[in-house]
Every structure is written in structure tokens, then in C-alpha cells.
Amino acid sequence: MRVPPPFPSPGDPMRSTADALELSWEMFGELCRALALRIARSGYRPDIVVGIAKAGVIPGAVVASMLRADFFSLKVTRYADLSERMDRPEILSEAPLRARGRSVLLVDEICTSGETLRVASNALRAVAPSEMRTATSIVKVNGHRPDYFALETDAEVVFPWDRQVIGDDGTLELNPLYRDIIE
């Protein structure tokens, strides 16, 4: 049985330049698979994968499973409450102590400015891993570049878990954040 080549090809991350990029669950799964393959083919084998909660736990858990590494999460927020966006991300949980002296891969779903990765990296460095690298499923064009990524785009990215939200009446509705760019 022939195994299809990874998507996208290992040396050439996929690139998108559309105004909006709506990701299906299947496409996001493929991006996670491509990210894991890219990391494995680079020769880096982390002992621990740390996913930045909330959305970074999805690719983090997939990558950890595929690389057969332990998985932990680190909670980071950019919201003081549900309505007020903070200028800088803030750590809400302690870095996993099991990272001490071990190789660590820090994973998030997207990287734009790199601020969330920087704050999370600093928290992890406090527990003294032997080595640490960063990875995201998506990186924005002209943004901070993690060590590994699967897709580069300048589009507004709509993740499958963000496209619809539960409305006041308990039904699914289009997320108001995306009304102007999709449908």
C-alpha cells in the first residue's frame, strides 16, 4: 500500500494569500499532520510537547501523539475578562515541572506577533528544559516565525472551532467576529 506524500511537502510550507482562509476540521487535521512530519524530518524529537491553551492544545496533542511524546498544556490568555482584550498575553497556569532537563516543543495554533510564544517560552525556561523549540500550525506572513510551521498566510484565518458559536437561544450561529469576511 502506497502512503500519500505529506501535505504540504516537507521543505516547502503551504502558503495562502486569500482575504479569508476558512479551515475545515479535515484541513486543520492535515496541517497538524504536516507539522508533525516537518518536526520529525528535521531530526528534533522532543520528550515533551506543551500546547498553549486553549487552541494550541489541539495541534499540540496531535503532534505529541504522532511523535510519541508526553503532552502537557500551559494556559495563556489575552483577555482580562470575556470582553476586554489585554495588550500582552498573560500566563494563567504554571509551566509543567516535568519539562526540567528535557527537550520541549511548545505548540500553538497560529503565530502572528510571536508575543504569546515569547511569554509561554519564558514561563517554560523558568523550569529549565535542556532544549526548547516552537511550532505553530499557521504563521502569518511577515510575522514572528516559530522553529516549525505548516502553513504561511496573510489571510484572516477562521478555525473550525471558531466559525460558529452557540447563540443565546442555544443554536449554532456564525461567529459575529467573522460576519464581514465569510458567508
C-alpha atoms as a PDB file:
ATOM      1  CA  MET A   1       0.000   0.000   0.000  1.00  0.00           C
ATOM      2  CA  ARG A   2       1.458   3.348  -1.044  1.00  0.00           C
ATOM      3  CA  VAL A   3       1.319   6.144   1.534  1.00  0.00           C
ATOM      4  CA  PRO A   4       0.433   9.553   0.042  1.00  0.00           C
ATOM      5  CA  PRO A   5       3.049  12.301   0.400  1.00  0.00           C
ATOM      6  CA  PRO A   6       2.619  14.637   3.353  1.00  0.00           C
ATOM      7  CA  PHE A   7       0.595  17.790   2.866  1.00  0.00           C
ATOM      8  CA  PRO A   8       2.246  20.205   2.329  1.00  0.00           C
ATOM      9  CA  SER A   9       5.616  18.872   1.162  1.00  0.00           C
ATOM     10  CA  PRO A  10       8.243  18.868   3.945  1.00  0.00           C
ATOM     11  CA  GLY A  11      10.636  21.519   2.660  1.00  0.00           C
ATOM     12  CA  ASP A  12       8.011  23.905   1.351  1.00  0.00           C
ATOM     13  CA  PRO A  13       5.319  25.078   3.789  1.00  0.00           C
ATOM     14  CA  MET A  14       1.967  25.751   2.173  1.00  0.00           C
ATOM     15  CA  ARG A  15       1.205  29.414   1.575  1.00  0.00           C
ATOM     16  CA  SER A  16      -2.158  31.183   1.247  1.00  0.00           C
ATOM     17  CA  THR A  17      -2.838  34.766   0.202  1.00  0.00           C
ATOM     18  CA  ALA A  18      -6.654  34.937   0.201  1.00  0.00           C
ATOM     19  CA  ASP A  19      -8.537  37.550   2.247  1.00  0.00           C
ATOM     20  CA  ALA A  20     -10.083  34.854   4.443  1.00  0.00           C
ATOM     21  CA  LEU A  21      -8.979  31.277   4.932  1.00  0.00           C
ATOM     22  CA  GLU A  22     -11.713  29.060   6.355  1.00  0.00           C
ATOM     23  CA  LEU A  23     -10.268  25.816   7.664  1.00  0.00           C
ATOM     24  CA  SER A  24     -12.359  22.670   7.853  1.00  0.00           C
ATOM     25  CA  TRP A  25     -11.651  20.119  10.567  1.00  0.00           C
ATOM     26  CA  GLU A  26     -10.133  17.883   7.880  1.00  0.00           C
ATOM     27  CA  MET A  27      -7.811  20.625   6.626  1.00  0.00           C
ATOM     28  CA  PHE A  28      -6.746  21.530  10.157  1.00  0.00           C
ATOM     29  CA  GLY A  29      -6.044  17.854  10.810  1.00  0.00           C
ATOM     30  CA  GLU A  30      -3.858  17.753   7.698  1.00  0.00           C
ATOM     31  CA  LEU A  31      -1.977  20.835   8.894  1.00  0.00           C
ATOM     32  CA  CYS A  32      -1.323  19.115  12.230  1.00  0.00           C
ATOM     33  CA  ARG A  33      -0.088  16.018  10.401  1.00  0.00           C
ATOM     34  CA  ALA A  34       2.173  18.109   8.155  1.00  0.00           C
ATOM     35  CA  LEU A  35       3.549  19.930  11.205  1.00  0.00           C
ATOM     36  CA  ALA A  36       4.374  16.653  12.968  1.00  0.00           C
ATOM     37  CA  LEU A  37       6.084  15.319   9.836  1.00  0.00           C
ATOM     38  CA  ARG A  38       8.104  18.501   9.412  1.00  0.00           C
ATOM     39  CA  ILE A  39       9.324  18.299  13.017  1.00  0.00           C
ATOM     40  CA  ALA A  40      10.169  14.587  12.758  1.00  0.00           C
ATOM     41  CA  ARG A  41      12.015  15.031   9.466  1.00  0.00           C
ATOM     42  CA  SER A  42      14.095  17.835  10.967  1.00  0.00           C
ATOM     43  CA  GLY A  43      15.505  15.293  13.406  1.00  0.00           C
ATOM     44  CA  TYR A  44      14.106  17.001  16.507  1.00  0.00           C
ATOM     45  CA  ARG A  45      12.492  14.531  18.908  1.00  0.00           C
ATOM     46  CA  PRO A  46      11.033  16.319  21.934  1.00  0.00           C
ATOM     47  CA  ASP A  47      10.470  14.453  25.174  1.00  0.00           C
ATOM     48  CA  ILE A  48       7.550  16.746  25.985  1.00  0.00           C
ATOM     49  CA  VAL A  49       5.100  18.713  23.858  1.00  0.00           C
ATOM     50  CA  VAL A  50       3.412  21.674  25.551  1.00  0.00           C
ATOM     51  CA  GLY A  51       0.273  23.042  23.909  1.00  0.00           C
ATOM     52  CA  ILE A  52      -0.750  26.619  24.651  1.00  0.00           C
ATOM     53  CA  ALA A  53      -4.337  26.523  25.897  1.00  0.00           C
ATOM     54  CA  LYS A  54      -6.882  26.914  24.559  1.00  0.00           C
ATOM     55  CA  ALA A  55      -6.463  26.388  20.817  1.00  0.00           C
ATOM     56  CA  GLY A  56      -2.804  25.296  20.843  1.00  0.00           C
ATOM     57  CA  VAL A  57      -3.737  22.119  22.699  1.00  0.00           C
ATOM     58  CA  ILE A  58      -5.371  20.774  19.534  1.00  0.00           C
ATOM     59  CA  PRO A  59      -2.267  20.726  17.303  1.00  0.00           C
ATOM     60  CA  GLY A  60      -0.090  20.112  20.371  1.00  0.00           C
ATOM     61  CA  ALA A  61      -1.921  16.907  21.284  1.00  0.00           C
ATOM     62  CA  VAL A  62      -1.860  15.669  17.673  1.00  0.00           C
ATOM     63  CA  VAL A  63       1.864  16.388  17.308  1.00  0.00           C
ATOM     64  CA  ALA A  64       2.618  14.771  20.689  1.00  0.00           C
ATOM     65  CA  SER A  65       0.698  11.642  19.689  1.00  0.00           C
ATOM     66  CA  MET A  66       2.429  11.385  16.325  1.00  0.00           C
ATOM     67  CA  LEU A  67       5.894  11.978  17.828  1.00  0.00           C
ATOM     68  CA  ARG A  68       5.116   9.650  20.750  1.00  0.00           C
ATOM     69  CA  ALA A  69       5.944  12.346  23.294  1.00  0.00           C
ATOM     70  CA  ASP A  70       4.298  13.261  26.595  1.00  0.00           C
ATOM     71  CA  PHE A  71       1.770  16.091  26.360  1.00  0.00           C
ATOM     72  CA  PHE A  72       1.100  18.967  28.752  1.00  0.00           C
ATOM     73  CA  SER A  73      -0.727  22.269  28.443  1.00  0.00           C
ATOM     74  CA  LEU A  74       0.095  25.794  29.525  1.00  0.00           C
ATOM     75  CA  LYS A  75      -2.782  28.243  29.885  1.00  0.00           C
ATOM     76  CA  VAL A  76      -2.211  31.697  28.409  1.00  0.00           C
ATOM     77  CA  THR A  77      -4.829  34.416  27.908  1.00  0.00           C
ATOM     78  CA  ARG A  78      -5.141  37.765  26.171  1.00  0.00           C
ATOM     79  CA  TYR A  79      -8.419  38.622  27.910  1.00  0.00           C
ATOM     80  CA  ALA A  80      -8.840  40.134  31.362  1.00  0.00           C
ATOM     81  CA  ASP A  81     -12.472  39.003  31.103  1.00  0.00           C
ATOM     82  CA  LEU A  82     -14.595  37.856  28.171  1.00  0.00           C
ATOM     83  CA  SER A  83     -14.852  41.352  26.663  1.00  0.00           C
ATOM     84  CA  GLU A  84     -11.618  43.209  27.430  1.00  0.00           C
ATOM     85  CA  ARG A  85      -8.600  42.289  25.283  1.00  0.00           C
ATOM     86  CA  MET A  86      -5.254  42.868  27.009  1.00  0.00           C
ATOM     87  CA  ASP A  87      -2.240  44.294  25.196  1.00  0.00           C
ATOM     88  CA  ARG A  88       0.001  41.426  26.243  1.00  0.00           C
ATOM     89  CA  PRO A  89      -0.709  37.769  26.896  1.00  0.00           C
ATOM     90  CA  GLU A  90      -0.622  36.561  30.478  1.00  0.00           C
ATOM     91  CA  ILE A  91       0.273  33.145  31.919  1.00  0.00           C
ATOM     92  CA  LEU A  92      -2.608  31.595  33.900  1.00  0.00           C
ATOM     93  CA  SER A  93      -1.047  28.263  34.868  1.00  0.00           C
ATOM     94  CA  GLU A  94       2.368  27.013  35.889  1.00  0.00           C
ATOM     95  CA  ALA A  95       4.721  25.511  33.350  1.00  0.00           C
ATOM     96  CA  PRO A  96       4.951  21.723  33.693  1.00  0.00           C
ATOM     97  CA  LEU A  97       7.757  20.837  36.103  1.00  0.00           C
ATOM     98  CA  ARG A  98       8.382  17.639  34.103  1.00  0.00           C
ATOM     99  CA  ALA A  99       9.997  19.886  31.453  1.00  0.00           C
ATOM    100  CA  ARG A 100      13.080  20.334  33.674  1.00  0.00           C
ATOM    101  CA  GLY A 101      16.130  18.898  31.922  1.00  0.00           C
ATOM    102  CA  ARG A 102      14.087  17.577  28.979  1.00  0.00           C
ATOM    103  CA  SER A 103      13.671  18.613  25.366  1.00  0.00           C
ATOM    104  CA  VAL A 104      10.422  20.539  24.891  1.00  0.00           C
ATOM    105  CA  LEU A 105       8.332  21.542  21.888  1.00  0.00           C
ATOM    106  CA  LEU A 106       5.975  24.472  22.550  1.00  0.00           C
ATOM    107  CA  VAL A 107       2.938  24.460  20.212  1.00  0.00           C
ATOM    108  CA  ASP A 108       0.215  26.996  19.388  1.00  0.00           C
ATOM    109  CA  GLU A 109      -2.358  27.095  16.588  1.00  0.00           C
ATOM    110  CA  ILE A 110      -1.181  30.389  14.998  1.00  0.00           C
ATOM    111  CA  CYS A 111       1.655  32.861  15.318  1.00  0.00           C
ATOM    112  CA  THR A 112       1.261  36.488  14.333  1.00  0.00           C
ATOM    113  CA  SER A 113       3.398  38.735  16.541  1.00  0.00           C
ATOM    114  CA  GLY A 114       5.085  35.945  18.486  1.00  0.00           C
ATOM    115  CA  GLU A 115       4.084  37.533  21.787  1.00  0.00           C
ATOM    116  CA  THR A 116       2.152  34.503  23.080  1.00  0.00           C
ATOM    117  CA  LEU A 117       5.027  32.170  22.172  1.00  0.00           C
ATOM    118  CA  ARG A 118       7.505  34.541  23.852  1.00  0.00           C
ATOM    119  CA  VAL A 119       5.537  34.715  27.105  1.00  0.00           C
ATOM    120  CA  ALA A 120       4.970  30.937  27.158  1.00  0.00           C
ATOM    121  CA  SER A 121       8.633  30.276  26.297  1.00  0.00           C
ATOM    122  CA  ASN A 122       9.746  32.443  29.213  1.00  0.00           C
ATOM    123  CA  ALA A 123       7.471  30.504  31.564  1.00  0.00           C
ATOM    124  CA  LEU A 124       8.926  27.215  30.315  1.00  0.00           C
ATOM    125  CA  ARG A 125      12.522  28.460  30.574  1.00  0.00           C
ATOM    126  CA  ALA A 126      11.886  29.058  34.281  1.00  0.00           C
ATOM    127  CA  VAL A 127      11.717  25.265  34.787  1.00  0.00           C
ATOM    128  CA  ALA A 128      14.999  24.795  32.845  1.00  0.00           C
ATOM    129  CA  PRO A 129      14.357  22.420  29.927  1.00  0.00           C
ATOM    130  CA  SER A 130      17.501  21.078  28.245  1.00  0.00           C
ATOM    131  CA  GLU A 131      16.264  22.366  24.873  1.00  0.00           C
ATOM    132  CA  MET A 132      13.147  24.119  23.619  1.00  0.00           C
ATOM    133  CA  ARG A 133      11.728  24.769  20.165  1.00  0.00           C
ATOM    134  CA  THR A 134       8.474  26.318  18.996  1.00  0.00           C
ATOM    135  CA  ALA A 135       5.858  25.255  16.440  1.00  0.00           C
ATOM    136  CA  THR A 136       2.541  26.530  15.123  1.00  0.00           C
ATOM    137  CA  SER A 137       0.127  25.167  12.570  1.00  0.00           C
ATOM    138  CA  ILE A 138      -0.085  28.579  10.902  1.00  0.00           C
ATOM    139  CA  VAL A 139       2.226  31.569  10.729  1.00  0.00           C
ATOM    140  CA  LYS A 140       1.203  34.971   9.418  1.00  0.00           C
ATOM    141  CA  VAL A 141       3.236  36.488   6.558  1.00  0.00           C
ATOM    142  CA  ASN A 142       5.768  38.989   7.938  1.00  0.00           C
ATOM    143  CA  GLY A 143       5.024  37.850  11.479  1.00  0.00           C
ATOM    144  CA  HIS A 144       7.255  36.140  14.011  1.00  0.00           C
ATOM    145  CA  ARG A 145       8.451  32.766  12.737  1.00  0.00           C
ATOM    146  CA  PRO A 146       8.496  29.778  15.078  1.00  0.00           C
ATOM    147  CA  ASP A 147      11.007  26.995  14.509  1.00  0.00           C
ATOM    148  CA  TYR A 148       8.343  24.927  12.710  1.00  0.00           C
ATOM    149  CA  PHE A 149       5.059  25.690  10.964  1.00  0.00           C
ATOM    150  CA  ALA A 150       2.799  24.045   8.382  1.00  0.00           C
ATOM    151  CA  LEU A 151       1.117  26.983   6.623  1.00  0.00           C
ATOM    152  CA  GLU A 152       2.044  30.604   5.968  1.00  0.00           C
ATOM    153  CA  THR A 153      -0.717  33.062   5.086  1.00  0.00           C
ATOM    154  CA  ASP A 154      -1.625  36.727   5.082  1.00  0.00           C
ATOM    155  CA  ALA A 155      -5.342  35.865   5.187  1.00  0.00           C
ATOM    156  CA  GLU A 156      -7.678  36.192   8.138  1.00  0.00           C
ATOM    157  CA  VAL A 157      -7.793  32.601   9.431  1.00  0.00           C
ATOM    158  CA  VAL A 158     -11.114  31.134  10.531  1.00  0.00           C
ATOM    159  CA  PHE A 159     -10.527  27.989  12.555  1.00  0.00           C
ATOM    160  CA  PRO A 160     -13.207  25.282  12.508  1.00  0.00           C
ATOM    161  CA  TRP A 161     -13.912  25.664  16.240  1.00  0.00           C
ATOM    162  CA  ASP A 162     -14.343  29.456  15.871  1.00  0.00           C
ATOM    163  CA  ARG A 163     -16.564  29.624  12.780  1.00  0.00           C
ATOM    164  CA  GLN A 164     -19.757  29.000  14.693  1.00  0.00           C
ATOM    165  CA  VAL A 165     -20.657  29.801  18.274  1.00  0.00           C
ATOM    166  CA  ILE A 166     -23.654  28.915  20.394  1.00  0.00           C
ATOM    167  CA  GLY A 167     -26.138  31.780  20.415  1.00  0.00           C
ATOM    168  CA  ASP A 168     -28.375  32.979  23.235  1.00  0.00           C
ATOM    169  CA  ASP A 169     -31.132  30.642  22.024  1.00  0.00           C
ATOM    170  CA  GLY A 170     -28.829  27.595  22.223  1.00  0.00           C
ATOM    171  CA  THR A 171     -28.408  27.154  18.468  1.00  0.00           C
ATOM    172  CA  LEU A 172     -25.291  27.413  16.352  1.00  0.00           C
ATOM    173  CA  GLU A 173     -24.752  30.727  14.600  1.00  0.00           C
ATOM    174  CA  LEU A 174     -21.984  32.369  12.621  1.00  0.00           C
ATOM    175  CA  ASN A 175     -19.416  33.897  14.963  1.00  0.00           C
ATOM    176  CA  PRO A 176     -20.007  37.683  14.893  1.00  0.00           C
ATOM    177  CA  LEU A 177     -16.255  38.210  14.575  1.00  0.00           C
ATOM    178  CA  TYR A 178     -16.384  36.789  11.042  1.00  0.00           C
ATOM    179  CA  ARG A 179     -19.649  38.221   9.668  1.00  0.00           C
ATOM    180  CA  ASP A 180     -17.809  40.694   7.430  1.00  0.00           C
ATOM    181  CA  ILE A 181     -15.385  38.190   5.915  1.00  0.00           C
ATOM    182  CA  ILE A 182     -17.334  34.955   5.376  1.00  0.00           C
ATOM    183  CA  GLU A 183     -20.730  33.912   4.018  1.00  0.00           C
END
